[in-house]
Amino acid sequence: MPDAHAPSAGRPDSGADARGPSGENPDTGADVVLYERRGPVAHVTLNRPRYRNAQNSAMTYALDTAFYRAAEDPGVKVVVLGGAGDHFSAGHDIGSPGRDAHLPFERRAGLWWDHCDRAGAESRFARESEVYLGMCRRWRELPKPVVAAVQGACVAGGLMLAWVCDLIVASEDAFFADPVVRMGIPGVEYFAHPWVMPPRVAKEFLYTGDRMTARRAHEVGMVNRVVARAELASATEELALRIARMPRMGLALAKRAVNHVEGLQGLHTGLDSVFGLHHLALAHNAETAADPLGGMDVASMKRAGTAGSAARPDATRRADG
């Protein structure tokens, strides 16, 4: 899903492009996800900066491969997830030349059938169960700490990636938003909102579609640390290395303990329930609007966000508290 306020998923910028199942950028030949190990820390980087790291399926499966590689390597103690360029991720790809929602990929997160030869809700539910909800659940259970380093836009599908990480370090220019209510949809597919922020804050976040600044995200407990943009990489690395001094098994068990308690508090039941509401909204849109996204595309989402901000000049200040 795109950002409603600022650089939108699918609008080109300087940098790399991306294509389908090959997992490579056609212009540069670079991978859509980069992997580098530095001592005990694996650095996984979203690499579609030209499209604000909009997530197509090629990126999703490349990310899954990178996470599996980090989990498998006994020398890796901590994973850092970041985004190349000015933005962490502006959401799911709904408009770039590399959009590949129509293409088949080898399924890894569940047993739903291939969506490509199905129609309507049967196709949408199968694909999103795999690529969105299923993958996020899979990544959340990676038995090593994962730290997100977030700069610029972290919007809709970008939130999902950050939220499955154990810790979030944000730069001062980072902002967070889930504007998909403008599409008539209750929220992104991995609906962790009431667990990562207080319920009333989550409601305002969804009802308005406004950006939440990094400082406000820290205030409500969604972000662990806020640092200057120039210090984001070094601060995240320092934190990862500090964590890496702990025993691997202790870290794995501590992560499992906290995740298990979140499950007892209703996280998984909530995710399943709202995923159904998400698809009710898509089906309703398919019947009553131009398409399952309510006729909204990258450009219209950006216009709606700009109009909303203009109508409420104090929106950013109020979102900051």
Protein backbone atom coordinates (compact mmCIF):
# COMPACT_ATOMS: atom_id res chain seq x y z
CA MET A 1 0.00 0.00 0.00
CA PRO A 2 1.32 3.51 -0.76
CA ASP A 3 1.94 6.53 1.41
CA ALA A 4 -0.93 8.97 1.21
CA HIS A 5 1.14 12.00 2.14
CA ALA A 6 4.56 11.85 0.59
CA PRO A 7 6.74 9.85 -1.80
CA SER A 8 4.35 7.18 -2.98
CA ALA A 9 5.01 3.51 -3.63
CA GLY A 10 5.43 3.10 -7.34
CA ARG A 11 6.53 6.65 -8.21
CA PRO A 12 10.09 6.64 -9.61
CA ASP A 13 13.02 8.32 -7.90
CA SER A 14 16.76 8.15 -8.54
CA GLY A 15 18.25 4.72 -7.93
CA ALA A 16 17.43 1.11 -8.70
CA ASP A 17 14.41 -0.51 -10.32
CA ALA A 18 13.10 -4.02 -9.75
CA ARG A 19 11.49 -6.84 -11.69
CA GLY A 20 9.72 -10.11 -11.04
CA PRO A 21 10.76 -13.63 -10.02
CA SER A 22 14.44 -13.12 -10.88
CA GLY A 23 14.82 -10.81 -7.89
CA GLU A 24 17.08 -8.45 -9.84
CA ASN A 25 16.81 -4.83 -10.93
CA PRO A 26 16.66 -4.76 -14.76
CA ASP A 27 18.54 -1.46 -15.07
CA THR A 28 21.44 -2.29 -12.76
CA GLY A 29 21.38 -6.08 -12.28
CA ALA A 30 21.48 -5.45 -8.51
CA ASP A 31 19.51 -7.62 -6.11
CA VAL A 32 16.24 -6.20 -4.77
CA VAL A 33 17.42 -7.26 -1.31
CA LEU A 34 21.06 -6.98 -0.25
CA TYR A 35 22.73 -9.23 2.32
CA GLU A 36 25.98 -8.55 4.12
CA ARG A 37 27.42 -10.12 7.25
CA ARG A 38 29.66 -7.99 9.45
CA GLY A 39 30.91 -10.10 12.30
CA PRO A 40 27.91 -11.34 14.31
CA VAL A 41 25.46 -8.98 12.55
CA ALA A 42 23.67 -9.73 9.27
CA HIS A 43 22.60 -6.59 7.42
CA VAL A 44 19.54 -7.09 5.19
CA THR A 45 18.70 -4.10 2.99
CA LEU A 46 15.63 -3.41 0.85
CA ASN A 47 17.05 -2.25 -2.46
CA ARG A 48 14.45 -0.54 -4.65
CA PRO A 49 15.29 3.08 -3.77
CA ARG A 50 13.96 4.39 -7.09
CA TYR A 51 10.49 3.32 -5.92
CA ARG A 52 10.97 4.14 -2.23
CA ASN A 53 11.53 0.43 -1.57
CA ALA A 54 7.98 -0.45 -2.60
CA GLN A 55 7.52 -4.13 -1.89
CA ASN A 56 6.74 -6.35 -4.85
CA SER A 57 6.68 -10.14 -4.61
CA ALA A 58 10.26 -10.40 -5.87
CA MET A 59 11.38 -8.33 -2.91
CA THR A 60 9.21 -10.30 -0.49
CA TYR A 61 10.67 -13.64 -1.47
CA ALA A 62 14.21 -12.26 -1.63
CA LEU A 63 13.70 -10.92 1.89
CA ASP A 64 12.50 -14.34 3.03
CA THR A 65 15.63 -15.92 1.55
CA ALA A 66 17.83 -13.39 3.36
CA PHE A 67 16.12 -13.99 6.70
CA TYR A 68 16.44 -17.75 6.27
CA ARG A 69 20.14 -17.32 5.47
CA ALA A 70 20.66 -15.30 8.65
CA ALA A 71 18.74 -17.83 10.74
CA GLU A 72 20.78 -20.71 9.31
CA ASP A 73 24.20 -19.11 9.86
CA PRO A 74 25.53 -19.96 13.36
CA GLY A 75 27.84 -16.95 13.18
CA VAL A 76 24.95 -14.50 12.96
CA LYS A 77 23.60 -13.37 16.33
CA VAL A 78 21.52 -10.34 15.27
CA VAL A 79 19.87 -9.13 12.05
CA VAL A 80 19.53 -5.48 11.02
CA LEU A 81 16.83 -4.64 8.47
CA GLY A 82 17.15 -1.37 6.59
CA GLY A 83 16.18 0.35 3.36
CA ALA A 84 18.46 1.79 0.70
CA GLY A 85 18.01 5.43 -0.21
CA ASP A 86 15.89 8.08 1.46
CA HIS A 87 13.07 5.83 2.69
CA PHE A 88 12.69 2.60 4.61
CA SER A 89 9.62 1.50 2.62
CA ALA A 90 6.67 3.41 1.21
CA GLY A 91 4.50 0.27 1.25
CA HIS A 92 3.33 -2.45 -1.07
CA ASP A 93 3.93 -1.95 -4.76
CA ILE A 94 0.67 -0.81 -6.38
CA GLY A 95 2.08 1.13 -9.31
CA SER A 96 5.70 0.60 -10.33
CA PRO A 97 6.86 -1.11 -13.55
CA GLY A 98 8.13 -3.93 -11.33
CA ARG A 99 4.71 -4.72 -9.88
CA ASP A 100 4.35 -8.51 -10.10
CA ALA A 101 1.18 -9.41 -8.21
CA HIS A 102 0.01 -11.36 -11.26
CA LEU A 103 3.05 -13.65 -11.32
CA PRO A 104 3.45 -17.02 -9.60
CA PHE A 105 6.10 -17.62 -6.95
CA GLU A 106 7.03 -20.74 -5.04
CA ARG A 107 4.96 -20.62 -1.88
CA ARG A 108 6.79 -20.81 1.45
CA ALA A 109 4.59 -19.38 4.20
CA GLY A 110 1.55 -21.64 3.90
CA LEU A 111 -0.38 -24.19 1.88
CA TRP A 112 -2.78 -21.93 0.02
CA TRP A 113 -2.91 -22.62 -3.71
CA ASP A 114 -1.34 -20.45 -6.38
CA HIS A 115 -3.47 -17.35 -6.92
CA CYS A 116 -2.65 -16.85 -10.59
CA ASP A 117 -5.28 -19.18 -12.07
CA ARG A 118 -8.03 -18.13 -9.62
CA ALA A 119 -10.37 -15.17 -9.69
CA GLY A 120 -11.93 -12.72 -7.25
CA ALA A 121 -11.68 -13.21 -3.52
CA GLU A 122 -10.27 -16.71 -4.01
CA SER A 123 -7.23 -15.25 -5.73
CA ARG A 124 -6.78 -12.26 -3.40
CA PHE A 125 -7.16 -14.27 -0.20
CA ALA A 126 -4.73 -16.98 -1.33
CA ARG A 127 -2.06 -14.50 -2.40
CA GLU A 128 -2.27 -12.23 0.62
CA SER A 129 -2.39 -15.16 3.04
CA GLU A 130 0.99 -16.14 1.64
CA VAL A 131 2.78 -12.94 0.69
CA TYR A 132 1.55 -10.57 3.41
CA LEU A 133 0.13 -12.18 6.55
CA GLY A 134 1.94 -15.50 6.20
CA MET A 135 5.36 -14.02 5.52
CA CYS A 136 5.07 -11.49 8.36
CA ARG A 137 4.19 -14.24 10.83
CA ARG A 138 7.08 -16.35 9.56
CA TRP A 139 9.59 -13.50 9.89
CA ARG A 140 8.37 -12.54 13.36
CA GLU A 141 9.42 -15.98 14.59
CA LEU A 142 13.00 -15.78 13.28
CA PRO A 143 14.85 -17.06 16.38
CA LYS A 144 17.37 -14.21 16.42
CA PRO A 145 16.81 -10.56 17.33
CA VAL A 146 15.92 -8.35 14.36
CA VAL A 147 16.45 -4.59 14.57
CA ALA A 148 14.81 -2.25 12.05
CA ALA A 149 16.70 0.89 11.03
CA VAL A 150 14.01 3.25 9.74
CA GLN A 151 14.48 6.51 7.85
CA GLY A 152 12.02 8.54 5.80
CA ALA A 153 8.75 6.84 4.92
CA CYS A 154 7.59 3.77 6.80
CA VAL A 155 4.09 3.47 5.43
CA ALA A 156 1.42 0.73 5.26
CA GLY A 157 3.33 -2.35 4.06
CA GLY A 158 6.48 -0.69 5.42
CA LEU A 159 4.89 -0.72 8.86
CA MET A 160 4.39 -4.46 8.56
CA LEU A 161 8.11 -5.00 7.99
CA ALA A 162 9.09 -2.75 10.90
CA TRP A 163 6.52 -4.29 13.23
CA VAL A 164 7.75 -7.85 12.80
CA CYS A 165 11.18 -6.68 13.99
CA ASP A 166 12.00 -6.89 17.69
CA LEU A 167 13.38 -3.37 18.00
CA ILE A 168 13.03 -0.20 15.91
CA VAL A 169 15.64 2.54 15.70
CA ALA A 170 14.30 5.53 13.78
CA SER A 171 15.97 8.62 12.41
CA GLU A 172 14.51 12.00 13.29
CA ASP A 173 13.11 12.39 9.77
CA ALA A 174 11.27 9.05 9.85
CA PHE A 175 7.48 9.02 9.73
CA PHE A 176 4.87 6.30 10.01
CA ALA A 177 1.39 6.08 8.46
CA ASP A 178 -1.34 3.62 7.52
CA PRO A 179 -3.62 5.58 5.16
CA VAL A 180 -5.54 2.64 3.66
CA VAL A 181 -8.82 3.60 5.35
CA ARG A 182 -9.01 6.02 2.40
CA MET A 183 -9.45 2.90 0.28
CA GLY A 184 -12.27 1.72 2.53
CA ILE A 185 -9.95 -0.85 4.10
CA PRO A 186 -9.60 -1.10 7.92
CA GLY A 187 -5.80 -1.31 7.92
CA VAL A 188 -2.87 -3.25 6.51
CA GLU A 189 -2.90 -7.04 6.33
CA TYR A 190 -0.67 -7.54 9.38
CA PHE A 191 -2.93 -5.66 11.77
CA ALA A 192 -0.69 -5.22 14.82
CA HIS A 193 -1.77 -1.64 15.51
CA PRO A 194 -3.35 -2.20 18.98
CA TRP A 195 -0.26 -4.14 20.11
CA VAL A 196 2.40 -1.67 18.96
CA MET A 197 0.57 1.44 20.22
CA PRO A 198 -2.29 2.15 22.64
CA PRO A 199 -5.78 1.49 21.17
CA ARG A 200 -6.91 5.13 21.13
CA VAL A 201 -3.69 6.16 19.44
CA ALA A 202 -4.20 3.35 16.93
CA LYS A 203 -7.71 4.60 16.18
CA GLU A 204 -6.55 8.17 15.54
CA PHE A 205 -3.69 6.80 13.43
CA LEU A 206 -6.19 4.91 11.26
CA TYR A 207 -9.11 7.36 11.28
CA THR A 208 -7.01 10.30 10.09
CA GLY A 209 -4.33 8.57 8.01
CA ASP A 210 -1.95 11.24 9.31
CA ARG A 211 1.76 10.76 9.61
CA MET A 212 3.21 9.93 13.00
CA THR A 213 6.66 11.38 13.55
CA ALA A 214 9.51 9.36 14.98
CA ARG A 215 9.34 11.33 18.24
CA ARG A 216 5.64 10.60 18.65
CA ALA A 217 6.22 6.94 17.78
CA HIS A 218 8.82 6.83 20.55
CA GLU A 219 6.43 8.47 23.00
CA VAL A 220 3.76 5.81 22.41
CA GLY A 221 6.26 2.93 22.62
CA MET A 222 6.31 1.88 18.97
CA VAL A 223 9.94 2.93 18.47
CA ASN A 224 12.83 2.14 20.80
CA ARG A 225 15.24 4.93 19.92
CA VAL A 226 15.29 8.10 17.82
CA VAL A 227 18.61 9.37 16.48
CA ALA A 228 19.89 11.91 13.99
CA ARG A 229 19.73 10.74 10.39
CA ALA A 230 23.51 10.81 10.08
CA GLU A 231 23.79 8.54 13.14
CA LEU A 232 21.16 5.95 12.16
CA ALA A 233 23.56 3.35 10.77
CA SER A 234 26.11 3.66 13.57
CA ALA A 235 23.50 3.74 16.34
CA THR A 236 21.77 0.65 14.97
CA GLU A 237 25.08 -1.17 14.55
CA GLU A 238 26.12 -0.28 18.10
CA LEU A 239 22.84 -1.63 19.49
CA ALA A 240 23.09 -4.81 17.41
CA LEU A 241 26.64 -5.48 18.60
CA ARG A 242 25.62 -4.92 22.20
CA ILE A 243 22.82 -7.47 21.81
CA ALA A 244 25.20 -9.87 20.06
CA ARG A 245 27.26 -10.17 23.26
CA MET A 246 24.42 -12.17 24.79
CA PRO A 247 24.26 -16.00 24.43
CA ARG A 248 22.46 -17.06 21.24
CA MET A 249 20.13 -19.49 23.03
CA GLY A 250 19.26 -16.93 25.69
CA LEU A 251 18.30 -14.42 23.02
CA ALA A 252 16.21 -16.99 21.15
CA LEU A 253 14.33 -18.00 24.29
CA ALA A 254 13.78 -14.41 25.44
CA LYS A 255 12.34 -13.55 22.04
CA ARG A 256 10.10 -16.60 22.06
CA ALA A 257 8.91 -15.77 25.58
CA VAL A 258 7.81 -12.22 24.71
CA ASN A 259 6.26 -13.33 21.41
CA HIS A 260 4.39 -16.11 23.18
CA VAL A 261 2.95 -13.70 25.75
CA GLU A 262 1.82 -11.35 22.96
CA GLY A 263 0.04 -14.35 21.45
CA LEU A 264 -1.68 -15.06 24.78
CA GLN A 265 -2.80 -11.42 24.77
CA GLY A 266 -4.65 -12.07 21.53
CA LEU A 267 -2.24 -11.01 18.81
CA HIS A 268 -2.73 -14.02 16.53
CA THR A 269 -6.49 -14.14 17.00
CA GLY A 270 -6.64 -10.43 16.24
CA LEU A 271 -4.50 -10.80 13.12
CA ASP A 272 -6.75 -13.55 11.77
CA SER A 273 -9.93 -11.66 12.56
CA VAL A 274 -8.88 -8.37 10.97
CA PHE A 275 -7.38 -10.14 7.96
CA GLY A 276 -10.91 -11.37 7.30
CA LEU A 277 -12.26 -7.82 7.62
CA HIS A 278 -9.54 -6.62 5.27
CA HIS A 279 -10.76 -9.04 2.63
CA LEU A 280 -14.39 -8.19 3.27
CA ALA A 281 -13.40 -4.60 2.41
CA LEU A 282 -11.61 -5.70 -0.76
CA ALA A 283 -14.62 -7.76 -1.85
CA HIS A 284 -16.99 -4.86 -1.08
CA ASN A 285 -14.82 -2.50 -3.14
CA ALA A 286 -14.73 -4.98 -6.01
CA GLU A 287 -18.56 -4.94 -6.09
CA THR A 288 -19.18 -1.24 -5.51
CA ALA A 289 -16.11 0.63 -6.79
CA ALA A 290 -13.73 0.54 -9.72
CA ASP A 291 -11.51 -2.15 -8.22
CA PRO A 292 -10.67 -3.87 -4.90
CA LEU A 293 -8.64 -0.82 -3.82
CA GLY A 294 -11.71 1.40 -4.08
CA GLY A 295 -10.51 3.02 -7.27
CA MET A 296 -7.52 4.52 -5.49
CA ASP A 297 -4.08 4.45 -7.07
CA VAL A 298 -0.73 5.97 -6.17
CA ALA A 299 -1.62 9.42 -7.51
CA SER A 300 -5.09 9.59 -5.94
CA MET A 301 -3.80 8.42 -2.56
CA LYS A 302 -1.16 11.14 -2.63
CA ARG A 303 -3.74 13.79 -3.61
CA ALA A 304 -6.08 12.68 -0.83
CA GLY A 305 -3.29 12.87 1.72
CA THR A 306 -2.18 16.29 0.53
CA ALA A 307 -5.75 17.59 0.63
CA GLY A 308 -6.22 16.24 4.14
CA SER A 309 -3.07 17.93 5.38
CA ALA A 310 -4.05 21.22 3.74
CA ALA A 311 -7.47 21.09 5.38
CA ARG A 312 -5.81 20.57 8.77
CA PRO A 313 -2.61 22.62 8.91
CA ASP A 314 -2.10 21.58 12.52
CA ALA A 315 -2.31 17.86 11.70
CA THR A 316 1.40 17.18 12.05
CA ARG A 317 1.66 19.10 15.29
CA ARG A 318 -1.36 17.33 16.76
CA ALA A 319 -0.10 13.94 15.66
CA ASP A 320 3.07 14.74 17.58
CA GLY A 321 1.06 15.43 20.71
